[in-house]
Amino acid sequence: MNKQLIAIDPSALDSLRMEIIRLHRRLDTVTMAPRPEWVTVDTFASMIGKHRRTVLRRIAEGKVETREIGGEKMVRVNQGA
């Protein structure tokens, strides 16, 4: 392995160290949970960055899988939409 030395301003290095510490603290507070399999149309639209009307159009075109759950139209999350 070829090692290379670089020069860096000490204050810039301190800034990077502080940013790493802040990121570590934020990561320590994260709680991971699996994605739900089915979500509402509005939630799905938000997740994929599209408008509700776009999702409804894709549903009508048969491109998005849906199911009625508790009287509400739900969309399967794990699909390419």
N, C-alpha and C. Protein backbone atom coordinates (compact mmCIF):
# COMPACT_ATOMS: atom_id res chain seq x y z
N MET A 1 0.84 -1.18 0.00
CA MET A 1 0.00 0.00 0.00
C MET A 1 0.89 1.24 0.00
N ASN A 2 0.61 2.17 -0.87
CA ASN A 2 1.38 3.39 -1.00
C ASN A 2 0.79 4.46 -0.09
N LYS A 3 1.55 4.94 0.88
CA LYS A 3 1.08 5.97 1.80
C LYS A 3 1.44 7.34 1.27
N GLN A 4 0.53 8.28 1.52
CA GLN A 4 0.74 9.64 1.05
C GLN A 4 0.42 10.59 2.19
N LEU A 5 1.24 11.59 2.39
CA LEU A 5 1.01 12.59 3.42
C LEU A 5 0.32 13.80 2.80
N ILE A 6 -0.62 14.36 3.55
CA ILE A 6 -1.27 15.58 3.10
C ILE A 6 -1.24 16.60 4.22
N ALA A 7 -1.30 17.86 3.89
CA ALA A 7 -1.33 18.92 4.89
C ALA A 7 -2.77 19.41 5.03
N ILE A 8 -3.18 19.63 6.28
CA ILE A 8 -4.53 20.14 6.53
C ILE A 8 -4.46 21.15 7.67
N ASP A 9 -5.22 22.19 7.53
CA ASP A 9 -5.29 23.23 8.55
C ASP A 9 -5.82 22.62 9.84
N PRO A 10 -5.15 22.84 10.97
CA PRO A 10 -5.61 22.26 12.24
C PRO A 10 -7.05 22.61 12.60
N SER A 11 -7.48 23.82 12.30
CA SER A 11 -8.87 24.19 12.63
C SER A 11 -9.86 23.42 11.74
N ALA A 12 -9.48 23.14 10.50
CA ALA A 12 -10.34 22.35 9.62
C ALA A 12 -10.43 20.92 10.14
N LEU A 13 -9.31 20.39 10.62
CA LEU A 13 -9.31 19.04 11.18
C LEU A 13 -10.18 18.98 12.44
N ASP A 14 -10.09 19.99 13.29
CA ASP A 14 -10.95 20.04 14.48
C ASP A 14 -12.42 20.11 14.10
N SER A 15 -12.72 20.86 13.07
CA SER A 15 -14.10 20.96 12.59
C SER A 15 -14.61 19.60 12.12
N LEU A 16 -13.78 18.87 11.39
CA LEU A 16 -14.16 17.53 10.93
C LEU A 16 -14.37 16.58 12.10
N ARG A 17 -13.49 16.66 13.09
CA ARG A 17 -13.64 15.81 14.27
C ARG A 17 -14.96 16.09 14.98
N MET A 18 -15.29 17.36 15.14
CA MET A 18 -16.55 17.73 15.80
C MET A 18 -17.76 17.24 15.00
N GLU A 19 -17.70 17.33 13.70
CA GLU A 19 -18.79 16.85 12.86
C GLU A 19 -18.96 15.34 13.01
N ILE A 20 -17.86 14.62 13.07
CA ILE A 20 -17.93 13.16 13.27
C ILE A 20 -18.55 12.84 14.62
N ILE A 21 -18.19 13.58 15.64
CA ILE A 21 -18.77 13.37 16.97
C ILE A 21 -20.27 13.63 16.94
N ARG A 22 -20.70 14.71 16.28
CA ARG A 22 -22.14 15.02 16.16
C ARG A 22 -22.88 13.91 15.42
N LEU A 23 -22.28 13.40 14.36
CA LEU A 23 -22.91 12.32 13.60
C LEU A 23 -23.03 11.05 14.44
N HIS A 24 -22.00 10.74 15.19
CA HIS A 24 -22.05 9.56 16.07
C HIS A 24 -23.16 9.71 17.10
N ARG A 25 -23.30 10.88 17.67
CA ARG A 25 -24.36 11.10 18.66
C ARG A 25 -25.74 10.92 18.03
N ARG A 26 -25.91 11.43 16.83
CA ARG A 26 -27.20 11.28 16.14
C ARG A 26 -27.47 9.81 15.83
N LEU A 27 -26.45 9.10 15.39
CA LEU A 27 -26.63 7.68 15.08
C LEU A 27 -26.98 6.88 16.33
N ASP A 28 -26.44 7.27 17.46
CA ASP A 28 -26.75 6.57 18.71
C ASP A 28 -28.22 6.69 19.10
N THR A 29 -28.91 7.72 18.61
CA THR A 29 -30.31 7.92 18.97
C THR A 29 -31.28 7.29 17.97
N VAL A 30 -30.76 6.76 16.88
CA VAL A 30 -31.61 6.20 15.83
C VAL A 30 -32.15 4.83 16.25
N THR A 31 -33.44 4.65 16.00
CA THR A 31 -34.07 3.36 16.22
C THR A 31 -34.55 2.86 14.87
N MET A 32 -34.08 1.71 14.49
CA MET A 32 -34.45 1.15 13.19
C MET A 32 -35.69 0.26 13.35
N ALA A 33 -36.59 0.40 12.41
CA ALA A 33 -37.78 -0.45 12.39
C ALA A 33 -38.03 -0.85 10.94
N PRO A 34 -38.50 -2.05 10.71
CA PRO A 34 -38.77 -2.45 9.33
C PRO A 34 -39.90 -1.62 8.73
N ARG A 35 -39.81 -1.41 7.43
CA ARG A 35 -40.87 -0.69 6.73
C ARG A 35 -42.15 -1.51 6.78
N PRO A 36 -43.28 -0.82 6.90
CA PRO A 36 -44.54 -1.57 6.83
C PRO A 36 -44.73 -2.11 5.42
N GLU A 37 -45.43 -3.21 5.30
CA GLU A 37 -45.67 -3.78 3.97
C GLU A 37 -46.74 -3.00 3.21
N TRP A 38 -47.74 -2.49 3.93
CA TRP A 38 -48.84 -1.76 3.32
C TRP A 38 -48.99 -0.40 3.98
N VAL A 39 -49.17 0.65 3.16
CA VAL A 39 -49.37 2.02 3.66
C VAL A 39 -50.52 2.67 2.89
N THR A 40 -51.00 3.78 3.40
CA THR A 40 -52.07 4.51 2.71
C THR A 40 -51.55 5.09 1.40
N VAL A 41 -52.48 5.46 0.55
CA VAL A 41 -52.12 6.07 -0.73
C VAL A 41 -51.31 7.35 -0.49
N ASP A 42 -51.77 8.17 0.45
CA ASP A 42 -51.05 9.42 0.72
C ASP A 42 -49.63 9.17 1.24
N THR A 43 -49.49 8.20 2.13
CA THR A 43 -48.16 7.88 2.66
C THR A 43 -47.26 7.36 1.56
N PHE A 44 -47.79 6.50 0.70
CA PHE A 44 -47.00 5.96 -0.41
C PHE A 44 -46.57 7.08 -1.35
N ALA A 45 -47.48 7.99 -1.65
CA ALA A 45 -47.14 9.11 -2.53
C ALA A 45 -45.99 9.93 -1.94
N SER A 46 -46.07 10.18 -0.65
CA SER A 46 -45.01 10.92 0.03
C SER A 46 -43.68 10.16 -0.01
N MET A 47 -43.75 8.85 0.19
CA MET A 47 -42.53 8.03 0.20
C MET A 47 -41.80 8.05 -1.13
N ILE A 48 -42.56 8.07 -2.23
CA ILE A 48 -41.91 8.03 -3.55
C ILE A 48 -41.78 9.42 -4.17
N GLY A 49 -42.22 10.45 -3.44
CA GLY A 49 -42.06 11.82 -3.91
C GLY A 49 -42.98 12.18 -5.06
N LYS A 50 -44.17 11.57 -5.07
CA LYS A 50 -45.15 11.84 -6.12
C LYS A 50 -46.44 12.36 -5.49
N HIS A 51 -47.29 12.93 -6.32
CA HIS A 51 -48.59 13.43 -5.86
C HIS A 51 -49.57 12.27 -5.73
N ARG A 52 -50.53 12.42 -4.86
CA ARG A 52 -51.57 11.41 -4.65
C ARG A 52 -52.24 11.01 -5.97
N ARG A 53 -52.50 12.01 -6.82
CA ARG A 53 -53.16 11.73 -8.12
C ARG A 53 -52.30 10.81 -8.99
N THR A 54 -50.99 10.97 -8.92
CA THR A 54 -50.09 10.11 -9.69
C THR A 54 -50.21 8.67 -9.22
N VAL A 55 -50.24 8.48 -7.91
CA VAL A 55 -50.37 7.13 -7.35
C VAL A 55 -51.72 6.54 -7.75
N LEU A 56 -52.79 7.33 -7.64
CA LEU A 56 -54.12 6.83 -8.02
C LEU A 56 -54.16 6.47 -9.50
N ARG A 57 -53.50 7.24 -10.34
CA ARG A 57 -53.44 6.92 -11.77
C ARG A 57 -52.69 5.59 -11.99
N ARG A 58 -51.59 5.41 -11.28
CA ARG A 58 -50.82 4.17 -11.42
C ARG A 58 -51.62 2.97 -10.91
N ILE A 59 -52.43 3.19 -9.89
CA ILE A 59 -53.31 2.13 -9.39
C ILE A 59 -54.31 1.76 -10.48
N ALA A 60 -54.94 2.77 -11.08
CA ALA A 60 -55.93 2.53 -12.14
C ALA A 60 -55.30 1.82 -13.34
N GLU A 61 -54.03 2.11 -13.60
CA GLU A 61 -53.32 1.47 -14.72
C GLU A 61 -52.85 0.06 -14.36
N GLY A 62 -53.02 -0.34 -13.11
CA GLY A 62 -52.59 -1.67 -12.67
C GLY A 62 -51.11 -1.77 -12.39
N LYS A 63 -50.44 -0.63 -12.24
CA LYS A 63 -48.99 -0.62 -12.01
C LYS A 63 -48.62 -0.67 -10.53
N VAL A 64 -49.61 -0.42 -9.67
CA VAL A 64 -49.37 -0.39 -8.23
C VAL A 64 -50.36 -1.34 -7.56
N GLU A 65 -49.83 -2.24 -6.73
CA GLU A 65 -50.67 -3.22 -6.05
C GLU A 65 -51.36 -2.58 -4.85
N THR A 66 -52.66 -2.82 -4.74
CA THR A 66 -53.44 -2.28 -3.63
C THR A 66 -54.26 -3.38 -2.96
N ARG A 67 -54.76 -3.01 -1.80
CA ARG A 67 -55.62 -3.91 -1.02
C ARG A 67 -56.47 -3.04 -0.11
N GLU A 68 -57.71 -3.47 0.12
CA GLU A 68 -58.56 -2.79 1.09
C GLU A 68 -58.26 -3.36 2.47
N ILE A 69 -57.87 -2.49 3.38
CA ILE A 69 -57.61 -2.91 4.76
C ILE A 69 -58.37 -1.96 5.67
N GLY A 70 -59.33 -2.51 6.41
CA GLY A 70 -60.14 -1.69 7.31
C GLY A 70 -60.92 -0.62 6.57
N GLY A 71 -61.35 -0.93 5.36
CA GLY A 71 -62.13 0.02 4.58
C GLY A 71 -61.30 1.10 3.90
N GLU A 72 -59.99 1.02 3.99
CA GLU A 72 -59.12 2.03 3.37
C GLU A 72 -58.22 1.36 2.33
N LYS A 73 -58.05 2.06 1.20
CA LYS A 73 -57.18 1.56 0.15
C LYS A 73 -55.73 1.68 0.59
N MET A 74 -55.02 0.55 0.58
CA MET A 74 -53.64 0.52 1.00
C MET A 74 -52.78 0.08 -0.19
N VAL A 75 -51.54 0.55 -0.20
CA VAL A 75 -50.60 0.27 -1.28
C VAL A 75 -49.45 -0.55 -0.74
N ARG A 76 -49.04 -1.56 -1.51
CA ARG A 76 -47.87 -2.37 -1.10
C ARG A 76 -46.61 -1.53 -1.29
N VAL A 77 -45.82 -1.45 -0.26
CA VAL A 77 -44.62 -0.60 -0.29
C VAL A 77 -43.53 -1.18 -1.17
N ASN A 78 -43.27 -2.46 -1.08
CA ASN A 78 -42.13 -3.06 -1.78
C ASN A 78 -42.45 -3.39 -3.22
N GLN A 79 -42.53 -2.33 -4.02
CA GLN A 79 -42.75 -2.51 -5.45
C GLN A 79 -42.09 -1.34 -6.17
N GLY A 80 -41.77 -1.51 -7.39
CA GLY A 80 -41.16 -0.43 -8.16
C GLY A 80 -42.23 0.45 -8.76
N ALA A 81 -42.51 1.57 -8.13
CA ALA A 81 -43.57 2.47 -8.62
C ALA A 81 -43.01 3.80 -9.04
